[in-house]
C-alpha atoms as a PDB file:
ATOM      1  CA  MET A   1    -103.407  80.832-125.012  1.00  0.00           C
ATOM      2  CA  LEU A   2    -107.088  81.575-124.571  1.00  0.00           C
ATOM      3  CA  GLY A   3    -109.682  79.431-126.272  1.00  0.00           C
ATOM      4  CA  ALA A   4    -113.113  80.467-127.472  1.00  0.00           C
ATOM      5  CA  ALA A   5    -114.689  79.082-124.284  1.00  0.00           C
ATOM      6  CA  ASP A   6    -112.424  81.323-122.140  1.00  0.00           C
ATOM      7  CA  LEU A   7    -113.371  84.346-124.219  1.00  0.00           C
ATOM      8  CA  GLU A   8    -117.105  83.730-124.359  1.00  0.00           C
ATOM      9  CA  ALA A   9    -117.715  82.533-120.791  1.00  0.00           C
ATOM     10  CA  SER A  10    -118.448  86.033-119.468  1.00  0.00           C
ATOM     11  CA  MET A  11    -121.093  86.433-122.154  1.00  0.00           C
ATOM     12  CA  VAL A  12    -123.624  84.970-119.703  1.00  0.00           C
ATOM     13  CA  TYR A  13    -123.615  88.299-117.842  1.00  0.00           C
ATOM     14  CA  GLU A  14    -124.819  90.122-120.965  1.00  0.00           C
ATOM     15  CA  MET A  15    -127.291  87.607-122.380  1.00  0.00           C
ATOM     16  CA  LYS A  16    -130.958  88.516-122.518  1.00  0.00           C
ATOM     17  CA  THR A  17    -132.108  84.943-123.275  1.00  0.00           C
ATOM     18  CA  ASN A  18    -131.081  81.457-122.103  1.00  0.00           C
ATOM     19  CA  SER A  19    -128.914  80.758-125.138  1.00  0.00           C
ATOM     20  CA  ALA A  20    -126.930  82.633-127.746  1.00  0.00           C
ATOM     21  CA  THR A  21    -126.829  82.071-131.468  1.00  0.00           C
ATOM     22  CA  PRO A  22    -123.536  81.223-133.166  1.00  0.00           C
ATOM     23  CA  ALA A  23    -123.501  84.752-134.614  1.00  0.00           C
ATOM     24  CA  GLU A  24    -123.955  86.299-131.146  1.00  0.00           C
ATOM     25  CA  ARG A  25    -121.159  84.123-129.761  1.00  0.00           C
ATOM     26  CA  GLU A  26    -118.851  85.115-132.602  1.00  0.00           C
ATOM     27  CA  ALA A  27    -119.660  88.804-132.163  1.00  0.00           C
ATOM     28  CA  PHE A  28    -118.972  88.591-128.437  1.00  0.00           C
ATOM     29  CA  ILE A  29    -115.623  86.847-128.959  1.00  0.00           C
ATOM     30  CA  ARG A  30    -114.635  89.435-131.569  1.00  0.00           C
ATOM     31  CA  LYS A  31    -115.549  92.225-129.143  1.00  0.00           C
ATOM     32  CA  ARG A  32    -113.425  90.621-126.406  1.00  0.00           C
ATOM     33  CA  MET A  33    -110.505  90.294-128.810  1.00  0.00           C
ATOM     34  CA  ASP A  34    -110.868  93.919-129.932  1.00  0.00           C
ATOM     35  CA  GLU A  35    -110.885  95.123-126.304  1.00  0.00           C
ATOM     36  CA  PHE A  36    -108.171  92.795-124.998  1.00  0.00           C
ATOM     37  CA  PHE A  37    -105.357  95.366-125.183  1.00  0.00           C
ATOM     38  CA  ALA A  38    -107.536  98.371-124.305  1.00  0.00           C
ATOM     39  CA  ASP A  39    -106.009 101.065-122.102  1.00  0.00           C
ATOM     40  CA  LYS A  40    -108.302 100.056-119.234  1.00  0.00           C
ATOM     41  CA  ASN A  41    -106.376  96.774-118.922  1.00  0.00           C
ATOM     42  CA  PHE A  42    -103.068  98.495-118.116  1.00  0.00           C
ATOM     43  CA  ARG A  43    -102.249 100.017-114.718  1.00  0.00           C
ATOM     44  CA  THR A  44     -99.314 101.953-113.331  1.00  0.00           C
ATOM     45  CA  PRO A  45     -97.743 101.119-110.978  1.00  0.00           C
ATOM     46  CA  ALA A  46     -97.929  97.345-111.345  1.00  0.00           C
ATOM     47  CA  LEU A  47     -98.440  96.996-107.599  1.00  0.00           C
ATOM     48  CA  GLY A  48     -99.919  99.642-105.369  1.00  0.00           C
ATOM     49  CA  ALA A  49     -98.172 100.750-102.192  1.00  0.00           C
ATOM     50  CA  ARG A  50    -101.024  99.347-100.094  1.00  0.00           C
ATOM     51  CA  GLU A  51    -101.041  95.886-101.700  1.00  0.00           C
ATOM     52  CA  ALA A  52     -99.718  93.336 -99.230  1.00  0.00           C
ATOM     53  CA  TYR A  53     -97.373  90.581-100.327  1.00  0.00           C
ATOM     54  CA  GLN A  54     -99.140  87.291-100.978  1.00  0.00           C
ATOM     55  CA  PRO A  55     -96.951  84.186-100.778  1.00  0.00           C
ATOM     56  CA  GLY A  56     -97.143  82.135-103.929  1.00  0.00           C
ATOM     57  CA  PRO A  57     -95.348  81.809-107.238  1.00  0.00           C
ATOM     58  CA  LEU A  58     -94.055  85.400-107.102  1.00  0.00           C
ATOM     59  CA  ASP A  59     -91.089  85.732-104.747  1.00  0.00           C
ATOM     60  CA  ARG A  60     -90.790  88.558-102.235  1.00  0.00           C
ATOM     61  CA  ALA A  61     -87.799  90.221-103.974  1.00  0.00           C
ATOM     62  CA  THR A  62     -89.697  90.545-107.250  1.00  0.00           C
ATOM     63  CA  TRP A  63     -92.794  91.798-105.412  1.00  0.00           C
ATOM     64  CA  ASN A  64     -90.734  94.469-103.641  1.00  0.00           C
ATOM     65  CA  GLU A  65     -89.025  95.482-106.883  1.00  0.00           C
ATOM     66  CA  LEU A  66     -92.340  96.008-108.668  1.00  0.00           C
ATOM     67  CA  GLN A  67     -93.902  97.777-105.726  1.00  0.00           C
ATOM     68  CA  GLN A  68     -91.002 100.222-105.488  1.00  0.00           C
ATOM     69  CA  GLN A  69     -91.054 101.162-109.166  1.00  0.00           C
ATOM     70  CA  PRO A  70     -93.759 103.751-109.840  1.00  0.00           C
ATOM     71  CA  GLN A  71     -93.226 103.375-113.602  1.00  0.00           C
ATOM     72  CA  SER A  72     -93.907  99.615-113.566  1.00  0.00           C
ATOM     73  CA  ILE A  73     -96.894  98.530-115.639  1.00  0.00           C
ATOM     74  CA  ARG A  74     -99.425  95.791-114.959  1.00  0.00           C
ATOM     75  CA  PHE A  75    -101.592  94.172-117.599  1.00  0.00           C
ATOM     76  CA  GLN A  76    -104.736  92.356-116.548  1.00  0.00           C
ATOM     77  CA  TYR A  77    -107.092  90.168-118.507  1.00  0.00           C
ATOM     78  CA  LEU A  78    -110.125  88.010-117.909  1.00  0.00           C
ATOM     79  CA  VAL A  79    -110.118  84.251-118.392  1.00  0.00           C
ATOM     80  CA  GLY A  80    -113.501  82.586-118.258  1.00  0.00           C
ATOM     81  CA  LYS A  81    -116.207  84.352-116.277  1.00  0.00           C
ATOM     82  CA  GLU A  82    -114.391  85.843-113.297  1.00  0.00           C
ATOM     83  CA  ASP A  83    -110.740  84.785-113.283  1.00  0.00           C
ATOM     84  CA  VAL A  84    -108.764  88.022-113.595  1.00  0.00           C
ATOM     85  CA  ARG A  85    -105.100  87.409-114.341  1.00  0.00           C
ATOM     86  CA  ARG A  86    -102.408  90.029-113.816  1.00  0.00           C
ATOM     87  CA  VAL A  87     -98.914  90.146-115.283  1.00  0.00           C
ATOM     88  CA  ALA A  88     -96.023  92.614-115.195  1.00  0.00           C
ATOM     89  CA  TRP A  89     -92.519  92.904-116.606  1.00  0.00           C
ATOM     90  CA  SER A  90     -89.855  92.286-113.973  1.00  0.00           C
ATOM     91  CA  PRO A  91     -86.511  93.959-114.686  1.00  0.00           C
ATOM     92  CA  LEU A  92     -85.027  91.852-111.878  1.00  0.00           C
ATOM     93  CA  LYS A  93     -86.004  88.589-113.562  1.00  0.00           C
ATOM     94  CA  GLN A  94     -85.942  89.946-117.123  1.00  0.00           C
ATOM     95  CA  GLN A  95     -89.300  88.332-117.859  1.00  0.00           C
ATOM     96  CA  VAL A  96     -93.023  88.714-117.455  1.00  0.00           C
ATOM     97  CA  VAL A  97     -94.237  87.498-114.074  1.00  0.00           C
ATOM     98  CA  HIS A  98     -97.691  86.539-112.902  1.00  0.00           C
ATOM     99  CA  LEU A  99     -98.991  88.660-110.060  1.00  0.00           C
ATOM    100  CA  PRO A 100    -101.321  87.255-107.457  1.00  0.00           C
ATOM    101  CA  GLY A 101    -104.797  87.815-108.823  1.00  0.00           C
ATOM    102  CA  PHE A 102    -108.366  87.918-107.767  1.00  0.00           C
ATOM    103  CA  GLY A 103    -111.487  86.286-109.056  1.00  0.00           C
ATOM    104  CA  GLY A 104    -112.750  82.783-109.592  1.00  0.00           C
END
């Protein structure tokens, strides 16, 4: 679940003044919502061959499975200003898994 604050935080990078009006904030949030499932947010394969395993919540077997499937798909989205989250469907686990990300 993403709140309005998560959706509008990156607005600071586009602002021309020190503050935004309620209408500007609403327009920005609507734009983010409209672009959320844009093609640019999907990547195939979910994990590139050169990406090294990063210990964390994703176990090595699932990492290897995703990395070895060229048809696997990753979806990434921005939370806040710079926190890019990445998820992919894992046939091994039969669920969506969080991939190690990058950002703030």
